[in-house]
């Protein structure tokens, strides 16, 4: 984030960076992969507005990108959104890819874990649907970024989001690479310029 924040600052755009629950310096809590984190993001936006900032843009990565998409319909004066490597629908994503994170064989463990998640955590993956939220912000400039061979969240997720959006204001930038969140590492200079230019052009 820091090279991107520096570039935005040089263009007169202030940034607020914060830790979601159970991350960084935030208090320990359940990571809900978007369901509760949406409230964290909306609270951060309220804080920024309390400082006098009226025009807001969102930049998120992975879960943060999915969370930004879900929060977007509830944010007034939102100017743009950049979503790097989001999933489109948490429930279907976990059913296909939970084993990547759990380290356990997909069968029989994924169905068992999926059944236990709501009971143990109160998190309902079926409530975490960026693909539904993007339909509600068709007038919002959105930049989707994804490494074409992302090894954690397949790039088809961003393709689905772009197609579902049905908006000419939604852009999809596919980059070479096979790592999750690999677009920045592929070409840091190009990445920072692309995101900065997109942000500044919509303020």
Protein backbone atom coordinates (compact mmCIF):
# COMPACT_ATOMS: atom_id res chain seq x y z
CA UNK A 1 0.00 0.00 0.00
CA UNK A 2 2.72 2.51 0.86
CA UNK A 3 4.00 3.20 -2.69
CA UNK A 4 0.39 3.64 -3.77
CA UNK A 5 -0.40 5.94 -0.85
CA UNK A 6 2.70 8.00 -1.64
CA UNK A 7 1.67 8.36 -5.29
CA UNK A 8 -1.87 9.37 -4.33
CA UNK A 9 -0.52 11.90 -1.81
CA UNK A 10 1.62 13.45 -4.52
CA UNK A 11 -1.58 13.93 -6.54
CA UNK A 12 -3.36 15.58 -3.61
CA UNK A 13 -5.39 12.55 -2.55
CA UNK A 14 -5.36 11.66 1.16
CA UNK A 15 -5.52 8.03 2.28
CA UNK A 16 -6.87 6.32 5.39
CA UNK A 17 -5.35 2.90 6.08
CA UNK A 18 -6.83 0.69 8.78
CA UNK A 19 -6.73 -2.91 10.02
CA UNK A 20 -9.84 -5.05 9.78
CA UNK A 21 -10.90 -6.96 12.90
CA UNK A 22 -8.49 -9.74 13.85
CA UNK A 23 -5.76 -8.16 11.71
CA UNK A 24 -2.72 -6.04 12.45
CA UNK A 25 -3.24 -3.92 15.56
CA UNK A 26 -7.01 -4.44 15.75
CA UNK A 27 -8.51 -6.45 18.58
CA UNK A 28 -8.81 -10.21 18.25
CA UNK A 29 -12.09 -11.32 16.77
CA UNK A 30 -13.56 -13.67 14.17
CA UNK A 31 -12.43 -13.08 10.62
CA UNK A 32 -15.71 -13.40 8.73
CA UNK A 33 -14.25 -12.94 5.23
CA UNK A 34 -16.45 -9.95 4.54
CA UNK A 35 -19.68 -10.28 6.51
CA UNK A 36 -18.60 -8.34 9.63
CA UNK A 37 -15.71 -6.56 7.91
CA UNK A 38 -18.23 -4.55 5.90
CA UNK A 39 -19.19 -2.83 9.15
CA UNK A 40 -15.52 -2.15 9.88
CA UNK A 41 -15.15 -0.45 6.51
CA UNK A 42 -18.32 1.61 6.88
CA UNK A 43 -17.08 2.76 10.31
CA UNK A 44 -13.73 3.78 8.80
CA UNK A 45 -15.59 5.79 6.15
CA UNK A 46 -17.70 7.48 8.85
CA UNK A 47 -14.46 8.36 10.65
CA UNK A 48 -12.99 9.90 7.50
CA UNK A 49 -16.15 11.94 7.02
CA UNK A 50 -15.96 13.10 10.65
CA UNK A 51 -12.56 14.59 9.77
CA UNK A 52 -14.16 16.61 6.99
CA UNK A 53 -13.57 14.40 3.96
CA UNK A 54 -16.67 14.33 1.76
CA UNK A 55 -15.55 12.58 -1.42
CA UNK A 56 -14.55 8.98 -0.83
CA UNK A 57 -12.81 6.37 -2.97
CA UNK A 58 -12.23 2.76 -1.99
CA UNK A 59 -9.22 0.55 -2.76
CA UNK A 60 -9.28 -3.02 -1.50
CA UNK A 61 -7.32 -6.22 -1.87
CA UNK A 62 -8.60 -9.81 -1.79
CA UNK A 63 -11.13 -9.99 1.08
CA UNK A 64 -10.82 -6.21 1.36
CA UNK A 65 -11.76 -5.87 -2.30
CA UNK A 66 -14.84 -8.05 -1.83
CA UNK A 67 -15.74 -6.07 1.29
CA UNK A 68 -15.41 -2.77 -0.55
CA UNK A 69 -17.76 -4.02 -3.27
CA UNK A 70 -20.35 -5.02 -0.68
CA UNK A 71 -20.09 -1.71 1.19
CA UNK A 72 -20.21 0.47 -1.92
CA UNK A 73 -24.03 0.64 -2.26
CA UNK A 74 -24.22 2.11 1.26
CA UNK A 75 -21.62 4.87 0.79
CA UNK A 76 -22.77 8.37 -0.14
CA UNK A 77 -20.54 10.48 -2.37
CA UNK A 78 -18.45 7.49 -3.42
CA UNK A 79 -16.30 8.51 -6.38
CA UNK A 80 -14.57 5.28 -7.41
CA UNK A 81 -13.71 1.76 -6.31
CA UNK A 82 -10.62 -0.34 -7.06
CA UNK A 83 -10.97 -4.06 -6.28
CA UNK A 84 -7.80 -6.13 -6.61
CA UNK A 85 -8.35 -9.92 -6.68
CA UNK A 86 -11.84 -10.17 -5.15
CA UNK A 87 -14.02 -13.24 -4.96
CA UNK A 88 -17.46 -12.89 -6.53
CA UNK A 89 -19.50 -15.03 -4.14
CA UNK A 90 -18.08 -16.35 -0.87
CA UNK A 91 -20.21 -19.47 -0.54
CA UNK A 92 -19.43 -20.83 -4.01
CA UNK A 93 -15.80 -19.77 -3.67
CA UNK A 94 -15.34 -21.67 -0.40
CA UNK A 95 -17.08 -24.78 -1.72
CA UNK A 96 -14.55 -24.93 -4.56
CA UNK A 97 -11.42 -23.57 -2.89
CA UNK A 98 -11.58 -23.89 0.90
CA UNK A 99 -8.98 -26.66 0.76
CA UNK A 100 -6.40 -24.09 -0.41
CA UNK A 101 -6.72 -22.32 2.94
CA UNK A 102 -7.50 -25.27 5.22
CA UNK A 103 -4.81 -27.57 3.87
CA UNK A 104 -7.32 -30.43 4.07
CA UNK A 105 -8.68 -32.57 1.23
CA UNK A 106 -11.79 -31.06 -0.33
CA UNK A 107 -13.75 -34.23 0.42
CA UNK A 108 -14.96 -34.92 3.04
CA UNK A 109 -13.69 -31.88 4.94
CA UNK A 110 -15.06 -28.92 2.95
CA UNK A 111 -18.75 -29.93 3.30
CA UNK A 112 -18.21 -30.57 7.01
CA UNK A 113 -16.49 -27.23 7.59
CA UNK A 114 -19.08 -25.35 5.53
CA UNK A 115 -21.82 -26.86 7.68
CA UNK A 116 -20.08 -25.88 10.91
CA UNK A 117 -19.10 -22.31 10.01
CA UNK A 118 -22.50 -20.68 10.70
CA UNK A 119 -23.02 -22.70 13.89
CA UNK A 120 -19.60 -21.98 15.38
CA UNK A 121 -18.91 -18.44 14.15
CA UNK A 122 -22.26 -16.86 13.30
CA UNK A 123 -20.88 -16.20 9.82
CA UNK A 124 -23.15 -17.12 6.92
CA UNK A 125 -21.12 -17.26 3.69
CA UNK A 126 -24.32 -17.03 1.67
CA UNK A 127 -24.63 -13.41 2.88
CA UNK A 128 -21.29 -12.39 1.36
CA UNK A 129 -22.09 -11.69 -2.28
CA UNK A 130 -20.06 -8.95 -4.00
CA UNK A 131 -21.62 -10.13 -7.26
CA UNK A 132 -25.01 -8.91 -6.05
CA UNK A 133 -23.64 -5.62 -4.71
CA UNK A 134 -21.96 -4.65 -7.98
CA UNK A 135 -25.36 -4.62 -9.69
CA UNK A 136 -26.36 -1.77 -7.38
CA UNK A 137 -23.50 0.57 -8.32
CA UNK A 138 -23.65 0.61 -12.11
CA UNK A 139 -23.01 4.38 -12.16
CA UNK A 140 -19.85 4.01 -10.07
CA UNK A 141 -16.44 3.83 -11.78
CA UNK A 142 -15.01 0.44 -10.77
CA UNK A 143 -11.58 -0.95 -11.63
CA UNK A 144 -11.26 -4.71 -11.18
CA UNK A 145 -7.68 -6.04 -11.15
CA UNK A 146 -6.68 -9.70 -11.28
CA UNK A 147 -3.62 -11.78 -12.14
CA UNK A 148 -4.81 -14.14 -14.85
CA UNK A 149 -3.51 -17.29 -13.12
CA UNK A 150 -4.11 -16.25 -9.50
CA UNK A 151 -3.34 -19.32 -7.35
CA UNK A 152 -5.78 -18.49 -4.53
CA UNK A 153 -8.79 -16.67 -6.01
CA UNK A 154 -9.17 -17.54 -9.70
CA UNK A 155 -9.45 -14.59 -12.08
CA UNK A 156 -12.81 -15.89 -13.31
CA UNK A 157 -14.21 -14.19 -10.19
CA UNK A 158 -13.37 -10.75 -11.56
CA UNK A 159 -14.60 -11.77 -15.00
CA UNK A 160 -17.96 -12.71 -13.45
CA UNK A 161 -18.09 -9.40 -11.59
CA UNK A 162 -17.38 -7.45 -14.76
CA UNK A 163 -20.03 -9.35 -16.72
CA UNK A 164 -22.62 -9.06 -13.95
CA UNK A 165 -22.02 -5.34 -13.57
CA UNK A 166 -23.21 -4.70 -17.11
CA UNK A 167 -21.76 -1.21 -16.84
CA UNK A 168 -19.41 0.60 -19.17
CA UNK A 169 -17.95 2.22 -16.04
CA UNK A 170 -16.64 -1.12 -14.80
CA UNK A 171 -13.15 -1.88 -16.11
CA UNK A 172 -11.31 -5.19 -15.87
CA UNK A 173 -7.51 -5.16 -15.93
CA UNK A 174 -6.08 -8.66 -16.25
CA UNK A 175 -2.34 -8.93 -15.68
CA UNK A 176 0.17 -11.74 -16.26
CA UNK A 177 1.15 -13.79 -13.25
CA UNK A 178 0.23 -16.80 -11.18
CA UNK A 179 0.25 -15.42 -7.62
CA UNK A 180 -2.60 -14.09 -5.53
CA UNK A 181 -2.41 -10.29 -5.51
CA UNK A 182 0.38 -10.68 -8.05
CA UNK A 183 -0.46 -7.71 -10.28
CA UNK A 184 1.58 -5.25 -8.23
CA UNK A 185 4.60 -7.56 -8.10
CA UNK A 186 4.43 -8.08 -11.86
CA UNK A 187 5.13 -4.41 -12.54
CA UNK A 188 4.98 -2.10 -9.49
CA UNK A 189 5.45 1.08 -11.52
CA UNK A 190 2.66 0.26 -13.97
CA UNK A 191 0.38 -0.84 -11.14
CA UNK A 192 0.80 2.34 -9.12
CA UNK A 193 0.34 4.51 -12.20
CA UNK A 194 -2.78 2.64 -13.33
CA UNK A 195 -4.49 2.80 -9.94
CA UNK A 196 -3.42 6.39 -9.24
CA UNK A 197 -4.57 7.63 -12.65
CA UNK A 198 -7.90 5.87 -12.21
CA UNK A 199 -8.43 7.37 -8.76
CA UNK A 200 -7.40 10.91 -9.64
CA UNK A 201 -9.50 10.95 -12.82
CA UNK A 202 -12.67 10.40 -10.78
CA UNK A 203 -12.17 13.06 -8.10
